[in-house]
Amino acid sequence: MIATACLQCGTPSASATAVFCRRCGLPYGQPPRATAELPSCPVCYKTVDDDGLIESLSHAGRRVHLQDHLHDHEQHPVGDDEWLESIRMGDRIQIEGWNARFDLVRRYLVTGLVSGGRARAFEHNALVTAMTQLGRWGPNKEILGDQVEWKAARTAVTRLMERYHRAH
């Protein structure tokens, strides 16, 4: 585990004797500034709370800084990322007959939400439409005005979700 990390930006300390974060200048152990944008976990996409801490995955009720939370993911993976990387093509992913941005599909697999984040633009193609429909109505719902391509894309995304979340 990382002994010290900045609670504002999540950067680990360079040494045990460091007093200030080399990235944002905040003293280690101090809560984030009220105006700061808080860091999110790149694995599970959870954002730290206002105190700069996040729940530990290994110890119920314990709150840790972002670097310890990232370390916890070694024992608590969110899904089969090795397999998902194997079907990646650059910054895109091919799912049967469709493709979309890899980061958007992975975020959906992990969180169940089609969220491009604050600064990301959405791609409105069959896969994104399928993920939106799955999030809203689930995999078995008949949708009024449904299109064949959307239904096929929902089926493909459902199979992808089942494979990604299969215990490994």
Protein backbone atom coordinates (compact mmCIF):
# COMPACT_ATOMS: atom_id res chain seq x y z
CA MET A 1 0.00 0.00 0.00
CA ILE A 2 1.07 3.58 -0.66
CA ALA A 3 1.92 5.32 2.62
CA THR A 4 0.95 8.82 1.49
CA ALA A 5 -1.06 10.19 -1.41
CA CYS A 6 -2.55 13.58 -2.10
CA LEU A 7 -6.23 13.72 -1.16
CA GLN A 8 -6.94 16.34 -3.84
CA CYS A 9 -5.37 14.86 -6.97
CA GLY A 10 -4.57 11.28 -5.88
CA THR A 11 -0.87 11.50 -6.74
CA PRO A 12 1.32 9.22 -4.58
CA SER A 13 4.16 10.84 -2.63
CA ALA A 14 7.64 10.55 -4.09
CA SER A 15 9.11 9.68 -0.70
CA ALA A 16 8.06 9.00 2.88
CA THR A 17 9.46 12.38 3.92
CA ALA A 18 7.54 14.45 1.35
CA VAL A 19 5.36 17.16 2.85
CA PHE A 20 3.63 18.67 -0.19
CA CYS A 21 2.13 17.10 -3.30
CA ARG A 22 4.44 17.61 -6.28
CA ARG A 23 1.44 17.94 -8.61
CA CYS A 24 -0.98 20.32 -6.90
CA GLY A 25 1.02 21.69 -3.95
CA LEU A 26 -1.46 20.67 -1.26
CA PRO A 27 0.09 19.39 1.98
CA TYR A 28 -0.33 15.62 2.34
CA GLY A 29 -3.21 14.73 4.64
CA GLN A 30 -5.10 17.98 4.00
CA PRO A 31 -8.61 17.68 2.55
CA PRO A 32 -9.06 18.88 -1.05
CA ARG A 33 -9.73 22.53 -1.74
CA ALA A 34 -13.43 23.31 -2.18
CA THR A 35 -12.84 24.44 -5.78
CA ALA A 36 -10.79 21.41 -6.83
CA GLU A 37 -12.02 18.84 -9.31
CA LEU A 38 -11.78 15.54 -7.45
CA PRO A 39 -10.02 12.53 -8.98
CA SER A 40 -11.81 9.38 -10.11
CA CYS A 41 -10.61 5.80 -10.10
CA PRO A 42 -9.54 4.82 -13.63
CA VAL A 43 -10.62 1.21 -12.95
CA CYS A 44 -14.14 1.56 -11.51
CA TYR A 45 -14.79 5.25 -12.31
CA LYS A 46 -15.84 6.15 -8.75
CA THR A 47 -14.92 9.69 -7.69
CA VAL A 48 -13.44 10.31 -4.26
CA ASP A 49 -15.68 12.07 -1.74
CA ASP A 50 -15.21 15.67 -0.62
CA ASP A 51 -12.67 14.55 2.00
CA GLY A 52 -10.48 13.00 -0.73
CA LEU A 53 -11.15 9.43 0.45
CA ILE A 54 -13.03 6.51 -1.07
CA GLU A 55 -14.35 3.26 0.40
CA SER A 56 -11.87 0.41 0.58
CA LEU A 57 -12.78 -2.67 -1.41
CA SER A 58 -10.83 -4.95 0.94
CA HIS A 59 -11.98 -3.64 4.31
CA ALA A 60 -15.66 -2.81 4.81
CA GLY A 61 -16.21 0.55 6.48
CA ARG A 62 -12.63 1.71 5.93
CA ARG A 63 -11.94 4.77 3.79
CA VAL A 64 -8.66 5.08 1.92
CA HIS A 65 -6.94 7.45 -0.47
CA LEU A 66 -7.14 6.81 -4.21
CA GLN A 67 -3.82 4.97 -4.50
CA ASP A 68 -4.83 2.38 -1.86
CA HIS A 69 -8.20 1.99 -3.60
CA LEU A 70 -6.37 1.29 -6.89
CA HIS A 71 -4.23 -1.30 -5.11
CA ASP A 72 -7.45 -2.96 -3.81
CA HIS A 73 -8.53 -3.57 -7.42
CA GLU A 74 -5.77 -6.18 -7.75
CA GLN A 75 -7.84 -8.38 -5.44
CA HIS A 76 -11.24 -7.04 -6.53
CA PRO A 77 -11.32 -6.67 -10.35
CA VAL A 78 -14.41 -5.13 -11.93
CA GLY A 79 -14.46 -7.62 -14.83
CA ASP A 80 -12.27 -9.51 -17.28
CA ASP A 81 -10.16 -6.64 -18.60
CA GLU A 82 -7.55 -8.97 -20.16
CA TRP A 83 -10.22 -10.49 -22.41
CA LEU A 84 -11.69 -7.08 -23.20
CA GLU A 85 -8.25 -5.80 -24.24
CA SER A 86 -7.89 -8.83 -26.53
CA ILE A 87 -10.83 -7.63 -28.66
CA ARG A 88 -9.70 -4.00 -28.67
CA MET A 89 -8.60 -2.39 -31.94
CA GLY A 90 -6.68 0.77 -31.04
CA ASP A 91 -9.09 3.13 -29.33
CA ARG A 92 -12.12 1.19 -30.61
CA ILE A 93 -13.72 -2.15 -29.83
CA GLN A 94 -15.42 -4.48 -32.28
CA ILE A 95 -18.57 -6.16 -30.97
CA GLU A 96 -19.91 -8.52 -33.59
CA GLY A 97 -20.89 -6.22 -36.49
CA TRP A 98 -20.50 -2.89 -34.69
CA ASN A 99 -17.72 -0.86 -33.19
CA ALA A 100 -17.51 2.00 -30.74
CA ARG A 101 -14.97 3.79 -28.58
CA PHE A 102 -13.28 1.32 -26.23
CA ASP A 103 -13.37 3.63 -23.20
CA LEU A 104 -17.10 4.28 -23.60
CA VAL A 105 -17.92 0.56 -23.85
CA ARG A 106 -15.70 -0.34 -20.88
CA ARG A 107 -17.25 2.42 -18.77
CA TYR A 108 -20.70 1.03 -19.61
CA LEU A 109 -19.63 -2.52 -18.72
CA VAL A 110 -18.28 -1.39 -15.35
CA THR A 111 -20.93 1.13 -14.31
CA GLY A 112 -23.97 0.16 -16.35
CA LEU A 113 -24.30 3.82 -17.36
CA VAL A 114 -23.73 5.34 -20.75
CA SER A 115 -21.83 8.36 -19.57
CA GLY A 116 -19.20 9.99 -21.68
CA GLY A 117 -17.97 11.98 -18.72
CA ARG A 118 -17.93 15.74 -18.45
CA ALA A 119 -15.61 16.49 -21.32
CA ARG A 120 -16.38 13.63 -23.71
CA ALA A 121 -18.57 13.68 -26.78
CA PHE A 122 -21.01 10.83 -27.32
CA GLU A 123 -20.96 8.66 -30.38
CA HIS A 124 -24.54 8.01 -31.38
CA ASN A 125 -24.29 4.72 -33.20
CA ALA A 126 -26.05 1.38 -32.81
CA LEU A 127 -23.88 0.26 -29.87
CA VAL A 128 -24.39 3.43 -27.86
CA THR A 129 -28.11 3.35 -28.63
CA ALA A 130 -28.18 -0.31 -27.54
CA MET A 131 -26.36 0.47 -24.27
CA THR A 132 -28.77 3.32 -23.57
CA GLN A 133 -31.77 1.09 -24.22
CA LEU A 134 -30.35 -1.73 -22.06
CA GLY A 135 -29.74 0.72 -19.23
CA ARG A 136 -33.26 2.07 -19.48
CA TRP A 137 -35.35 -1.04 -20.17
CA GLY A 138 -33.13 -4.10 -19.68
CA PRO A 139 -32.31 -6.90 -22.10
CA ASN A 140 -35.72 -8.57 -22.49
CA LYS A 141 -38.05 -5.63 -23.06
CA GLU A 142 -39.95 -5.19 -26.34
CA ILE A 143 -39.54 -1.60 -27.46
CA LEU A 144 -42.20 0.22 -29.47
CA GLY A 145 -40.72 1.35 -32.78
CA ASP A 146 -37.70 -0.90 -32.33
CA GLN A 147 -35.33 -1.35 -35.24
CA VAL A 148 -33.76 -4.66 -36.23
CA GLU A 149 -30.24 -3.22 -35.96
CA TRP A 150 -30.89 -1.83 -32.47
CA LYS A 151 -32.26 -5.17 -31.27
CA ALA A 152 -29.27 -7.03 -32.72
CA ALA A 153 -26.89 -4.53 -31.11
CA ARG A 154 -28.62 -4.95 -27.70
CA THR A 155 -28.19 -8.72 -28.03
CA ALA A 156 -24.49 -8.28 -28.87
CA VAL A 157 -23.91 -5.92 -25.93
CA THR A 158 -25.79 -8.28 -23.58
CA ARG A 159 -23.51 -11.16 -24.65
CA LEU A 160 -20.48 -8.93 -24.16
CA MET A 161 -21.67 -7.97 -20.65
CA GLU A 162 -22.24 -11.59 -19.69
CA ARG A 163 -18.75 -12.57 -20.90
CA TYR A 164 -17.00 -9.58 -19.30
CA HIS A 165 -18.57 -10.11 -15.89
CA ARG A 166 -18.13 -13.89 -15.88
CA ALA A 167 -16.04 -14.99 -12.88
CA HIS A 168 -12.46 -15.66 -13.91
